[in-house]
Amino acid sequence: MSNMYDGFEELIGDLERYIAKVEKSEDIIEVGVKEFVKDLKKLTKPMSQIHKDNYTHLIYTFSYRKKGKEFEVGWGKYYGPMVENGTNKMTARTHLRPCFEKNKNKYYSKMFEEIFY
């Protein structure tokens, strides 16, 4: 009879650990966001027309920031959204969406690992 109760105590302990981790959901999401930014920085860098000494390629400026309970992933340069979405004078050259769609299961797996291990 005591073995049955030991199993319940173990289950309760597991559930308490999971709940404690999920209560810190921003930390879990941040694991996936960091992995996403790391993958973005590995993208191939198209040849740039700019050859200034202090120039930093758009790909190297990918980063994220926490805004309330959400995270924003983007560029460190003002024209990043214009490259991603295009303008009336330039077609879109997307970086974020294709990278996320290609690797989203990897990001989800990293977040699940953070919860369950």
PDB file of N, CA and C in Angstrom:
ATOM      1  N   MET A   1       0.818  -1.189   0.000  1.00  0.00           N
ATOM      2  CA  MET A   1       0.000   0.000   0.000  1.00  0.00           C
ATOM      3  C   MET A   1       0.867   1.260   0.000  1.00  0.00           C
ATOM      4  N   SER A   2       1.977   1.248   0.726  1.00  0.00           N
ATOM      5  CA  SER A   2       2.812   2.444   0.812  1.00  0.00           C
ATOM      6  C   SER A   2       3.470   2.759  -0.530  1.00  0.00           C
ATOM      7  N   ASN A   3       3.683   1.748  -1.391  1.00  0.00           N
ATOM      8  CA  ASN A   3       4.270   1.992  -2.707  1.00  0.00           C
ATOM      9  C   ASN A   3       3.378   2.887  -3.552  1.00  0.00           C
ATOM     10  N   MET A   4       2.071   2.698  -3.447  1.00  0.00           N
ATOM     11  CA  MET A   4       1.139   3.523  -4.207  1.00  0.00           C
ATOM     12  C   MET A   4       1.262   4.987  -3.783  1.00  0.00           C
ATOM     13  N   TYR A   5       1.376   5.233  -2.486  1.00  0.00           N
ATOM     14  CA  TYR A   5       1.487   6.602  -2.002  1.00  0.00           C
ATOM     15  C   TYR A   5       2.834   7.209  -2.374  1.00  0.00           C
ATOM     16  N   ASP A   6       3.881   6.391  -2.400  1.00  0.00           N
ATOM     17  CA  ASP A   6       5.190   6.882  -2.825  1.00  0.00           C
ATOM     18  C   ASP A   6       5.126   7.379  -4.270  1.00  0.00           C
ATOM     19  N   GLY A   7       4.398   6.678  -5.102  1.00  0.00           N
ATOM     20  CA  GLY A   7       4.239   7.085  -6.498  1.00  0.00           C
ATOM     21  C   GLY A   7       3.519   8.423  -6.610  1.00  0.00           C
ATOM     22  N   PHE A   8       2.494   8.614  -5.793  1.00  0.00           N
ATOM     23  CA  PHE A   8       1.771   9.886  -5.802  1.00  0.00           C
ATOM     24  C   PHE A   8       2.656  11.024  -5.311  1.00  0.00           C
ATOM     25  N   GLU A   9       3.453  10.756  -4.296  1.00  0.00           N
ATOM     26  CA  GLU A   9       4.360  11.790  -3.789  1.00  0.00           C
ATOM     27  C   GLU A   9       5.385  12.183  -4.856  1.00  0.00           C
ATOM     28  N   GLU A  10       5.862  11.184  -5.573  1.00  0.00           N
ATOM     29  CA  GLU A  10       6.807  11.461  -6.658  1.00  0.00           C
ATOM     30  C   GLU A  10       6.131  12.277  -7.762  1.00  0.00           C
ATOM     31  N   LEU A  11       4.901  11.903  -8.113  1.00  0.00           N
ATOM     32  CA  LEU A  11       4.146  12.650  -9.121  1.00  0.00           C
ATOM     33  C   LEU A  11       3.917  14.088  -8.674  1.00  0.00           C
ATOM     34  N   ILE A  12       3.536  14.272  -7.431  1.00  0.00           N
ATOM     35  CA  ILE A  12       3.308  15.615  -6.896  1.00  0.00           C
ATOM     36  C   ILE A  12       4.599  16.429  -6.956  1.00  0.00           C
ATOM     37  N   GLY A  13       5.703  15.802  -6.605  1.00  0.00           N
ATOM     38  CA  GLY A  13       6.996  16.487  -6.683  1.00  0.00           C
ATOM     39  C   GLY A  13       7.333  16.907  -8.109  1.00  0.00           C
ATOM     40  N   ASP A  14       7.093  16.003  -9.079  1.00  0.00           N
ATOM     41  CA  ASP A  14       7.339  16.330 -10.487  1.00  0.00           C
ATOM     42  C   ASP A  14       6.460  17.497 -10.942  1.00  0.00           C
ATOM     43  N   LEU A  15       5.181  17.421 -10.586  1.00  0.00           N
ATOM     44  CA  LEU A  15       4.257  18.484 -10.983  1.00  0.00           C
ATOM     45  C   LEU A  15       4.648  19.827 -10.374  1.00  0.00           C
ATOM     46  N   GLU A  16       5.084  19.826  -9.139  1.00  0.00           N
ATOM     47  CA  GLU A  16       5.513  21.071  -8.497  1.00  0.00           C
ATOM     48  C   GLU A  16       6.721  21.665  -9.206  1.00  0.00           C
ATOM     49  N   ARG A  17       7.654  20.806  -9.642  1.00  0.00           N
ATOM     50  CA  ARG A  17       8.830  21.300 -10.379  1.00  0.00           C
ATOM     51  C   ARG A  17       8.416  21.907 -11.722  1.00  0.00           C
ATOM     52  N   TYR A  18       7.500  21.230 -12.435  1.00  0.00           N
ATOM     53  CA  TYR A  18       7.040  21.743 -13.725  1.00  0.00           C
ATOM     54  C   TYR A  18       6.320  23.078 -13.555  1.00  0.00           C
ATOM     55  N   ILE A  19       5.468  23.153 -12.547  1.00  0.00           N
ATOM     56  CA  ILE A  19       4.720  24.386 -12.300  1.00  0.00           C
ATOM     57  C   ILE A  19       5.672  25.528 -11.966  1.00  0.00           C
ATOM     58  N   ALA A  20       6.677  25.256 -11.151  1.00  0.00           N
ATOM     59  CA  ALA A  20       7.653  26.307 -10.797  1.00  0.00           C
ATOM     60  C   ALA A  20       8.374  26.814 -12.039  1.00  0.00           C
ATOM     61  N   LYS A  21       8.700  25.911 -12.956  1.00  0.00           N
ATOM     62  CA  LYS A  21       9.386  26.337 -14.185  1.00  0.00           C
ATOM     63  C   LYS A  21       8.452  27.116 -15.103  1.00  0.00           C
ATOM     64  N   VAL A  22       7.218  26.655 -15.225  1.00  0.00           N
ATOM     65  CA  VAL A  22       6.263  27.321 -16.127  1.00  0.00           C
ATOM     66  C   VAL A  22       5.880  28.692 -15.598  1.00  0.00           C
ATOM     67  N   GLU A  23       5.905  28.873 -14.290  1.00  0.00           N
ATOM     68  CA  GLU A  23       5.622  30.195 -13.736  1.00  0.00           C
ATOM     69  C   GLU A  23       6.659  31.213 -14.199  1.00  0.00           C
ATOM     70  N   LYS A  24       7.829  30.739 -14.561  1.00  0.00           N
ATOM     71  CA  LYS A  24       8.873  31.602 -15.110  1.00  0.00           C
ATOM     72  C   LYS A  24       8.886  31.445 -16.631  1.00  0.00           C
ATOM     73  N   SER A  25       7.728  31.553 -17.240  1.00  0.00           N
ATOM     74  CA  SER A  25       7.592  31.281 -18.669  1.00  0.00           C
ATOM     75  C   SER A  25       8.470  32.191 -19.523  1.00  0.00           C
ATOM     76  N   GLU A  26       8.725  33.410 -19.071  1.00  0.00           N
ATOM     77  CA  GLU A  26       9.575  34.309 -19.856  1.00  0.00           C
ATOM     78  C   GLU A  26      10.980  33.741 -19.994  1.00  0.00           C
ATOM     79  N   ASP A  27      11.475  33.087 -18.947  1.00  0.00           N
ATOM     80  CA  ASP A  27      12.805  32.473 -19.012  1.00  0.00           C
ATOM     81  C   ASP A  27      12.821  31.343 -20.035  1.00  0.00           C
ATOM     82  N   ILE A  28      11.732  30.590 -20.098  1.00  0.00           N
ATOM     83  CA  ILE A  28      11.639  29.475 -21.031  1.00  0.00           C
ATOM     84  C   ILE A  28      11.570  30.005 -22.461  1.00  0.00           C
ATOM     85  N   ILE A  29      10.779  31.026 -22.685  1.00  0.00           N
ATOM     86  CA  ILE A  29      10.674  31.617 -24.021  1.00  0.00           C
ATOM     87  C   ILE A  29      12.007  32.228 -24.441  1.00  0.00           C
ATOM     88  N   GLU A  30      12.702  32.820 -23.488  1.00  0.00           N
ATOM     89  CA  GLU A  30      13.990  33.444 -23.808  1.00  0.00           C
ATOM     90  C   GLU A  30      15.001  32.421 -24.329  1.00  0.00           C
ATOM     91  N   VAL A  31      14.914  31.189 -23.877  1.00  0.00           N
ATOM     92  CA  VAL A  31      15.796  30.132 -24.382  1.00  0.00           C
ATOM     93  C   VAL A  31      15.590  29.964 -25.891  1.00  0.00           C
ATOM     94  N   GLY A  32      14.326  29.904 -26.320  1.00  0.00           N
ATOM     95  CA  GLY A  32      14.022  29.778 -27.748  1.00  0.00           C
ATOM     96  C   GLY A  32      14.425  31.012 -28.533  1.00  0.00           C
ATOM     97  N   VAL A  33      14.211  32.185 -27.956  1.00  0.00           N
ATOM     98  CA  VAL A  33      14.559  33.444 -28.625  1.00  0.00           C
ATOM     99  C   VAL A  33      16.069  33.540 -28.826  1.00  0.00           C
ATOM    100  N   LYS A  34      16.841  33.182 -27.819  1.00  0.00           N
ATOM    101  CA  LYS A  34      18.306  33.224 -27.941  1.00  0.00           C
ATOM    102  C   LYS A  34      18.781  32.300 -29.054  1.00  0.00           C
ATOM    103  N   GLU A  35      18.190  31.126 -29.144  1.00  0.00           N
ATOM    104  CA  GLU A  35      18.564  30.173 -30.191  1.00  0.00           C
ATOM    105  C   GLU A  35      18.213  30.725 -31.564  1.00  0.00           C
ATOM    106  N   PHE A  36      17.076  31.391 -31.673  1.00  0.00           N
ATOM    107  CA  PHE A  36      16.645  32.004 -32.929  1.00  0.00           C
ATOM    108  C   PHE A  36      17.636  33.081 -33.367  1.00  0.00           C
ATOM    109  N   VAL A  37      18.031  33.941 -32.458  1.00  0.00           N
ATOM    110  CA  VAL A  37      18.983  35.010 -32.785  1.00  0.00           C
ATOM    111  C   VAL A  37      20.335  34.410 -33.176  1.00  0.00           C
ATOM    112  N   LYS A  38      20.727  33.343 -32.489  1.00  0.00           N
ATOM    113  CA  LYS A  38      21.995  32.687 -32.828  1.00  0.00           C
ATOM    114  C   LYS A  38      21.949  32.156 -34.264  1.00  0.00           C
ATOM    115  N   ASP A  39      20.822  31.553 -34.654  1.00  0.00           N
ATOM    116  CA  ASP A  39      20.675  31.060 -36.021  1.00  0.00           C
ATOM    117  C   ASP A  39      20.644  32.207 -37.037  1.00  0.00           C
ATOM    118  N   LEU A  40      20.002  33.309 -36.680  1.00  0.00           N
ATOM    119  CA  LEU A  40      19.963  34.462 -37.585  1.00  0.00           C
ATOM    120  C   LEU A  40      21.364  34.986 -37.863  1.00  0.00           C
ATOM    121  N   LYS A  41      22.203  34.995 -36.856  1.00  0.00           N
ATOM    122  CA  LYS A  41      23.559  35.508 -37.029  1.00  0.00           C
ATOM    123  C   LYS A  41      24.432  34.572 -37.861  1.00  0.00           C
ATOM    124  N   LYS A  42      23.976  33.333 -38.069  1.00  0.00           N
ATOM    125  CA  LYS A  42      24.710  32.375 -38.899  1.00  0.00           C
ATOM    126  C   LYS A  42      24.298  32.445 -40.377  1.00  0.00           C
ATOM    127  N   LEU A  43      23.295  33.246 -40.692  1.00  0.00           N
ATOM    128  CA  LEU A  43      22.836  33.343 -42.077  1.00  0.00           C
ATOM    129  C   LEU A  43      23.964  33.826 -42.977  1.00  0.00           C
ATOM    130  N   THR A  44      23.885  33.431 -44.242  1.00  0.00           N
ATOM    131  CA  THR A  44      24.898  33.903 -45.185  1.00  0.00           C
ATOM    132  C   THR A  44      24.747  35.398 -45.368  1.00  0.00           C
ATOM    133  N   LYS A  45      25.861  36.053 -45.505  1.00  0.00           N
ATOM    134  CA  LYS A  45      25.867  37.507 -45.630  1.00  0.00           C
ATOM    135  C   LYS A  45      26.020  37.887 -47.094  1.00  0.00           C
ATOM    136  N   PRO A  46      24.966  38.414 -47.712  1.00  0.00           N
ATOM    137  CA  PRO A  46      25.088  38.844 -49.095  1.00  0.00           C
ATOM    138  C   PRO A  46      26.112  39.973 -49.202  1.00  0.00           C
ATOM    139  N   MET A  47      26.752  40.064 -50.329  1.00  0.00           N
ATOM    140  CA  MET A  47      27.769  41.093 -50.533  1.00  0.00           C
ATOM    141  C   MET A  47      27.150  42.470 -50.354  1.00  0.00           C
ATOM    142  N   SER A  48      27.811  43.279 -49.581  1.00  0.00           N
ATOM    143  CA  SER A  48      27.327  44.622 -49.315  1.00  0.00           C
ATOM    144  C   SER A  48      27.948  45.618 -50.275  1.00  0.00           C
ATOM    145  N   GLN A  49      27.213  46.673 -50.580  1.00  0.00           N
ATOM    146  CA  GLN A  49      27.713  47.741 -51.434  1.00  0.00           C
ATOM    147  C   GLN A  49      28.492  48.776 -50.622  1.00  0.00           C
ATOM    148  N   ILE A  50      28.447  48.642 -49.312  1.00  0.00           N
ATOM    149  CA  ILE A  50      29.074  49.627 -48.427  1.00  0.00           C
ATOM    150  C   ILE A  50      30.431  49.084 -47.973  1.00  0.00           C
ATOM    151  N   HIS A  51      31.452  49.901 -48.092  1.00  0.00           N
ATOM    152  CA  HIS A  51      32.798  49.464 -47.728  1.00  0.00           C
ATOM    153  C   HIS A  51      33.466  50.433 -46.765  1.00  0.00           C
ATOM    154  N   LYS A  52      32.700  51.026 -45.865  1.00  0.00           N
ATOM    155  CA  LYS A  52      33.258  51.934 -44.865  1.00  0.00           C
ATOM    156  C   LYS A  52      33.955  51.135 -43.771  1.00  0.00           C
ATOM    157  N   ASP A  53      34.905  51.759 -43.093  1.00  0.00           N
ATOM    158  CA  ASP A  53      35.640  51.085 -42.031  1.00  0.00           C
ATOM    159  C   ASP A  53      34.751  50.679 -40.861  1.00  0.00           C
ATOM    160  N   ASN A  54      33.833  51.515 -40.455  1.00  0.00           N
ATOM    161  CA  ASN A  54      32.993  51.238 -39.283  1.00  0.00           C
ATOM    162  C   ASN A  54      31.683  50.544 -39.628  1.00  0.00           C
ATOM    163  N   TYR A  55      31.524  50.051 -40.843  1.00  0.00           N
ATOM    164  CA  TYR A  55      30.274  49.435 -41.271  1.00  0.00           C
ATOM    165  C   TYR A  55      30.101  48.056 -40.630  1.00  0.00           C
ATOM    166  N   THR A  56      28.912  47.791 -40.114  1.00  0.00           N
ATOM    167  CA  THR A  56      28.549  46.480 -39.569  1.00  0.00           C
ATOM    168  C   THR A  56      27.427  45.917 -40.431  1.00  0.00           C
ATOM    169  N   HIS A  57      27.614  44.703 -40.913  1.00  0.00           N
ATOM    170  CA  HIS A  57      26.607  44.079 -41.776  1.00  0.00           C
ATOM    171  C   HIS A  57      25.301  43.893 -41.016  1.00  0.00           C
ATOM    172  N   LEU A  58      24.200  44.030 -41.714  1.00  0.00           N
ATOM    173  CA  LEU A  58      22.859  43.913 -41.130  1.00  0.00           C
ATOM    174  C   LEU A  58      22.690  42.600 -40.363  1.00  0.00           C
ATOM    175  N   ILE A  59      23.221  41.508 -40.896  1.00  0.00           N
ATOM    176  CA  ILE A  59      23.081  40.198 -40.256  1.00  0.00           C
ATOM    177  C   ILE A  59      23.703  40.194 -38.854  1.00  0.00           C
ATOM    178  N   TYR A  60      24.811  40.877 -38.684  1.00  0.00           N
ATOM    179  CA  TYR A  60      25.486  40.894 -37.381  1.00  0.00           C
ATOM    180  C   TYR A  60      24.720  41.699 -36.329  1.00  0.00           C
ATOM    181  N   THR A  61      23.748  42.474 -36.734  1.00  0.00           N
ATOM    182  CA  THR A  61      23.037  43.328 -35.775  1.00  0.00           C
ATOM    183  C   THR A  61      21.777  42.689 -35.211  1.00  0.00           C
ATOM    184  N   PHE A  62      21.444  41.455 -35.612  1.00  0.00           N
ATOM    185  CA  PHE A  62      20.263  40.799 -35.061  1.00  0.00           C
ATOM    186  C   PHE A  62      20.395  40.690 -33.548  1.00  0.00           C
ATOM    187  N   SER A  63      19.311  40.993 -32.860  1.00  0.00           N
ATOM    188  CA  SER A  63      19.284  40.885 -31.408  1.00  0.00           C
ATOM    189  C   SER A  63      17.831  40.779 -30.958  1.00  0.00           C
ATOM    190  N   TYR A  64      17.649  40.683 -29.661  1.00  0.00           N
ATOM    191  CA  TYR A  64      16.293  40.650 -29.109  1.00  0.00           C
ATOM    192  C   TYR A  64      16.244  41.542 -27.888  1.00  0.00           C
ATOM    193  N   ARG A  65      15.019  41.907 -27.535  1.00  0.00           N
ATOM    194  CA  ARG A  65      14.811  42.650 -26.295  1.00  0.00           C
ATOM    195  C   ARG A  65      13.478  42.221 -25.703  1.00  0.00           C
ATOM    196  N   LYS A  66      13.435  42.304 -24.401  1.00  0.00           N
ATOM    197  CA  LYS A  66      12.214  41.956 -23.687  1.00  0.00           C
ATOM    198  C   LYS A  66      11.388  43.217 -23.552  1.00  0.00           C
ATOM    199  N   LYS A  67      10.128  43.114 -23.910  1.00  0.00           N
ATOM    200  CA  LYS A  67       9.214  44.250 -23.830  1.00  0.00           C
ATOM    201  C   LYS A  67       7.983  43.774 -23.069  1.00  0.00           C
ATOM    202  N   GLY A  68       7.961  44.070 -21.780  1.00  0.00           N
ATOM    203  CA  GLY A  68       6.889  43.544 -20.936  1.00  0.00           C
ATOM    204  C   GLY A  68       7.090  42.051 -20.766  1.00  0.00           C
ATOM    205  N   LYS A  69       6.088  41.270 -21.149  1.00  0.00           N
ATOM    206  CA  LYS A  69       6.204  39.813 -21.083  1.00  0.00           C
ATOM    207  C   LYS A  69       6.510  39.215 -22.447  1.00  0.00           C
ATOM    208  N   GLU A  70       6.745  40.068 -23.431  1.00  0.00           N
ATOM    209  CA  GLU A  70       7.014  39.599 -24.785  1.00  0.00           C
ATOM    210  C   GLU A  70       8.456  39.885 -25.162  1.00  0.00           C
ATOM    211  N   PHE A  71       8.904  39.216 -26.225  1.00  0.00           N
ATOM    212  CA  PHE A  71      10.234  39.437 -26.750  1.00  0.00           C
ATOM    213  C   PHE A  71      10.118  39.924 -28.185  1.00  0.00           C
ATOM    214  N   GLU A  72      10.966  40.864 -28.537  1.00  0.00           N
ATOM    215  CA  GLU A  72      11.040  41.348 -29.914  1.00  0.00           C
ATOM    216  C   GLU A  72      12.392  40.960 -30.480  1.00  0.00           C
ATOM    217  N   VAL A  73      12.378  40.357 -31.649  1.00  0.00           N
ATOM    218  CA  VAL A  73      13.609  40.023 -32.357  1.00  0.00           C
ATOM    219  C   VAL A  73      13.692  40.955 -33.547  1.00  0.00           C
ATOM    220  N   GLY A  74      14.859  41.535 -33.751  1.00  0.00           N
ATOM    221  CA  GLY A  74      14.991  42.463 -34.874  1.00  0.00           C
ATOM    222  C   GLY A  74      16.427  42.844 -35.133  1.00  0.00           C
ATOM    223  N   TRP A  75      16.574  43.973 -35.762  1.00  0.00           N
ATOM    224  CA  TRP A  75      17.867  44.453 -36.235  1.00  0.00           C
ATOM    225  C   TRP A  75      18.342  45.616 -35.385  1.00  0.00           C
ATOM    226  N   GLY A  76      19.622  45.834 -35.434  1.00  0.00           N
ATOM    227  CA  GLY A  76      20.203  46.992 -34.778  1.00  0.00           C
ATOM    228  C   GLY A  76      20.314  48.167 -35.726  1.00  0.00           C
ATOM    229  N   LYS A  77      19.823  47.997 -36.920  1.00  0.00           N
ATOM    230  CA  LYS A  77      19.860  49.079 -37.917  1.00  0.00           C
ATOM    231  C   LYS A  77      18.423  49.442 -38.290  1.00  0.00           C
ATOM    232  N   TYR A  78      18.200  50.703 -38.506  1.00  0.00           N
ATOM    233  CA  TYR A  78      16.843  51.192 -38.759  1.00  0.00           C
ATOM    234  C   TYR A  78      16.231  50.624 -40.034  1.00  0.00           C
ATOM    235  N   TYR A  79      17.053  50.242 -40.999  1.00  0.00           N
ATOM    236  CA  TYR A  79      16.518  49.816 -42.286  1.00  0.00           C
ATOM    237  C   TYR A  79      16.256  48.303 -42.358  1.00  0.00           C
ATOM    238  N   GLY A  80      16.468  47.580 -41.261  1.00  0.00           N
ATOM    239  CA  GLY A  80      16.197  46.141 -41.248  1.00  0.00           C
ATOM    240  C   GLY A  80      14.779  45.779 -41.673  1.00  0.00           C
ATOM    241  N   PRO A  81      13.753  46.439 -41.109  1.00  0.00           N
ATOM    242  CA  PRO A  81      12.387  46.120 -41.530  1.00  0.00           C
ATOM    243  C   PRO A  81      12.139  46.414 -43.015  1.00  0.00           C
ATOM    244  N   MET A  82      12.837  47.401 -43.548  1.00  0.00           N
ATOM    245  CA  MET A  82      12.664  47.712 -44.970  1.00  0.00           C
ATOM    246  C   MET A  82      13.225  46.583 -45.840  1.00  0.00           C
ATOM    247  N   VAL A  83      14.341  46.003 -45.417  1.00  0.00           N
ATOM    248  CA  VAL A  83      14.916  44.881 -46.159  1.00  0.00           C
ATOM    249  C   VAL A  83      14.003  43.666 -46.032  1.00  0.00           C
ATOM    250  N   GLU A  84      13.515  43.420 -44.828  1.00  0.00           N
ATOM    251  CA  GLU A  84      12.654  42.258 -44.574  1.00  0.00           C
ATOM    252  C   GLU A  84      11.327  42.346 -45.326  1.00  0.00           C
ATOM    253  N   ASN A  85      10.675  43.491 -45.266  1.00  0.00           N
ATOM    254  CA  ASN A  85       9.323  43.631 -45.824  1.00  0.00           C
ATOM    255  C   ASN A  85       9.283  44.270 -47.201  1.00  0.00           C
ATOM    256  N   GLY A  86      10.376  44.877 -47.609  1.00  0.00           N
ATOM    257  CA  GLY A  86      10.390  45.575 -48.882  1.00  0.00           C
ATOM    258  C   GLY A  86       9.793  46.965 -48.752  1.00  0.00           C
ATOM    259  N   THR A  87       9.955  47.752 -49.790  1.00  0.00           N
ATOM    260  CA  THR A  87       9.379  49.099 -49.858  1.00  0.00           C
ATOM    261  C   THR A  87       8.727  49.239 -51.221  1.00  0.00           C
ATOM    262  N   ASN A  88       8.214  50.412 -51.505  1.00  0.00           N
ATOM    263  CA  ASN A  88       7.616  50.599 -52.823  1.00  0.00           C
ATOM    264  C   ASN A  88       8.678  50.672 -53.921  1.00  0.00           C
ATOM    265  N   LYS A  89       9.953  50.785 -53.534  1.00  0.00           N
ATOM    266  CA  LYS A  89      11.035  50.839 -54.517  1.00  0.00           C
ATOM    267  C   LYS A  89      11.942  49.604 -54.467  1.00  0.00           C
ATOM    268  N   MET A  90      11.691  48.711 -53.520  1.00  0.00           N
ATOM    269  CA  MET A  90      12.571  47.562 -53.354  1.00  0.00           C
ATOM    270  C   MET A  90      11.749  46.335 -52.947  1.00  0.00           C
ATOM    271  N   THR A  91      12.050  45.189 -53.538  1.00  0.00           N
ATOM    272  CA  THR A  91      11.341  43.965 -53.165  1.00  0.00           C
ATOM    273  C   THR A  91      11.889  43.454 -51.830  1.00  0.00           C
ATOM    274  N   ALA A  92      11.081  42.690 -51.146  1.00  0.00           N
ATOM    275  CA  ALA A  92      11.461  42.155 -49.838  1.00  0.00           C
ATOM    276  C   ALA A  92      12.545  41.097 -49.983  1.00  0.00           C
ATOM    277  N   ARG A  93      13.488  41.121 -49.052  1.00  0.00           N
ATOM    278  CA  ARG A  93      14.510  40.065 -48.936  1.00  0.00           C
ATOM    279  C   ARG A  93      14.432  39.573 -47.493  1.00  0.00           C
ATOM    280  N   THR A  94      13.547  38.619 -47.278  1.00  0.00           N
ATOM    281  CA  THR A  94      13.231  38.193 -45.917  1.00  0.00           C
ATOM    282  C   THR A  94      14.370  37.390 -45.289  1.00  0.00           C
ATOM    283  N   HIS A  95      14.553  37.601 -43.997  1.00  0.00           N
ATOM    284  CA  HIS A  95      15.522  36.872 -43.202  1.00  0.00           C
ATOM    285  C   HIS A  95      14.821  36.152 -42.048  1.00  0.00           C
ATOM    286  N   LEU A  96      14.030  36.915 -41.309  1.00  0.00           N
ATOM    287  CA  LEU A  96      13.432  36.412 -40.072  1.00  0.00           C
ATOM    288  C   LEU A  96      12.446  35.268 -40.307  1.00  0.00           C
ATOM    289  N   ARG A  97      11.457  35.509 -41.121  1.00  0.00           N
ATOM    290  CA  ARG A  97      10.392  34.519 -41.301  1.00  0.00           C
ATOM    291  C   ARG A  97      10.910  33.179 -41.816  1.00  0.00           C
ATOM    292  N   PRO A  98      11.724  33.167 -42.882  1.00  0.00           N
ATOM    293  CA  PRO A  98      12.193  31.860 -43.373  1.00  0.00           C
ATOM    294  C   PRO A  98      13.046  31.114 -42.347  1.00  0.00           C
ATOM    295  N   CYS A  99      13.876  31.831 -41.633  1.00  0.00           N
ATOM    296  CA  CYS A  99      14.726  31.198 -40.618  1.00  0.00           C
ATOM    297  C   CYS A  99      13.868  30.613 -39.503  1.00  0.00           C
ATOM    298  N   PHE A 100      12.866  31.362 -39.050  1.00  0.00           N
ATOM    299  CA  PHE A 100      11.997  30.860 -37.996  1.00  0.00           C
ATOM    300  C   PHE A 100      11.199  29.656 -38.473  1.00  0.00           C
ATOM    301  N   GLU A 101      10.598  29.744 -39.649  1.00  0.00           N
ATOM    302  CA  GLU A 101       9.777  28.644 -40.159  1.00  0.00           C
ATOM    303  C   GLU A 101      10.603  27.373 -40.352  1.00  0.00           C
ATOM    304  N   LYS A 102      11.827  27.530 -40.793  1.00  0.00           N
ATOM    305  CA  LYS A 102      12.695  26.383 -41.031  1.00  0.00           C
ATOM    306  C   LYS A 102      13.098  25.710 -39.719  1.00  0.00           C
ATOM    307  N   ASN A 103      13.300  26.483 -38.663  1.00  0.00           N
ATOM    308  CA  ASN A 103      13.864  25.959 -37.421  1.00  0.00           C
ATOM    309  C   ASN A 103      12.926  26.004 -36.221  1.00  0.00           C
ATOM    310  N   LYS A 104      11.664  26.312 -36.403  1.00  0.00           N
ATOM    311  CA  LYS A 104      10.776  26.514 -35.254  1.00  0.00           C
ATOM    312  C   LYS A 104      10.660  25.279 -34.363  1.00  0.00           C
ATOM    313  N   ASN A 105      10.697  24.092 -34.939  1.00  0.00           N
ATOM    314  CA  ASN A 105      10.615  22.894 -34.097  1.00  0.00           C
ATOM    315  C   ASN A 105      11.836  22.769 -33.190  1.00  0.00           C
ATOM    316  N   LYS A 106      12.992  23.213 -33.680  1.00  0.00           N
ATOM    317  CA  LYS A 106      14.194  23.202 -32.855  1.00  0.00           C
ATOM    318  C   LYS A 106      14.029  24.157 -31.670  1.00  0.00           C
ATOM    319  N   TYR A 107      13.452  25.338 -31.915  1.00  0.00           N
ATOM    320  CA  TYR A 107      13.254  26.313 -30.831  1.00  0.00           C
ATOM    321  C   TYR A 107      12.249  25.791 -29.814  1.00  0.00           C
ATOM    322  N   TYR A 108      11.177  25.180 -30.314  1.00  0.00           N
ATOM    323  CA  TYR A 108      10.186  24.610 -29.404  1.00  0.00           C
ATOM    324  C   TYR A 108      10.812  23.494 -28.567  1.00  0.00           C
ATOM    325  N   SER A 109      11.645  22.674 -29.180  1.00  0.00           N
ATOM    326  CA  SER A 109      12.302  21.588 -28.457  1.00  0.00           C
ATOM    327  C   SER A 109      13.200  22.132 -27.352  1.00  0.00           C
ATOM    328  N   LYS A 110      13.936  23.196 -27.653  1.00  0.00           N
ATOM    329  CA  LYS A 110      14.795  23.813 -26.638  1.00  0.00           C
ATOM    330  C   LYS A 110      13.967  24.309 -25.458  1.00  0.00           C
ATOM    331  N   MET A 111      12.809  24.894 -25.752  1.00  0.00           N
ATOM    332  CA  MET A 111      11.955  25.389 -24.675  1.00  0.00           C
ATOM    333  C   MET A 111      11.377  24.235 -23.861  1.00  0.00           C
ATOM    334  N   PHE A 112      10.960  23.146 -24.537  1.00  0.00           N
ATOM    335  CA  PHE A 112      10.446  21.985 -23.803  1.00  0.00           C
ATOM    336  C   PHE A 112      11.534  21.355 -22.939  1.00  0.00           C
ATOM    337  N   GLU A 113      12.766  21.299 -23.457  1.00  0.00           N
ATOM    338  CA  GLU A 113      13.876  20.773 -22.650  1.00  0.00           C
ATOM    339  C   GLU A 113      14.061  21.602 -21.381  1.00  0.00           C
ATOM    340  N   GLU A 114      13.892  22.907 -21.512  1.00  0.00           N
ATOM    341  CA  GLU A 114      14.035  23.792 -20.361  1.00  0.00           C
ATOM    342  C   GLU A 114      12.978  23.499 -19.303  1.00  0.00           C
ATOM    343  N   ILE A 115      11.790  23.099 -19.740  1.00  0.00           N
ATOM    344  CA  ILE A 115      10.706  22.797 -18.804  1.00  0.00           C
ATOM    345  C   ILE A 115      10.910  21.432 -18.147  1.00  0.00           C
ATOM    346  N   PHE A 116      11.216  20.425 -18.952  1.00  0.00           N
ATOM    347  CA  PHE A 116      11.168  19.054 -18.454  1.00  0.00           C
ATOM    348  C   PHE A 116      12.495  18.481 -17.996  1.00  0.00           C
ATOM    349  N   TYR A 117      13.589  19.197 -18.195  1.00  0.00           N
ATOM    350  CA  TYR A 117      14.893  18.621 -17.784  1.00  0.00           C
ATOM    351  C   TYR A 117      15.648  19.549 -16.885  1.00  0.00           C
TER     352      TYR A 117
END
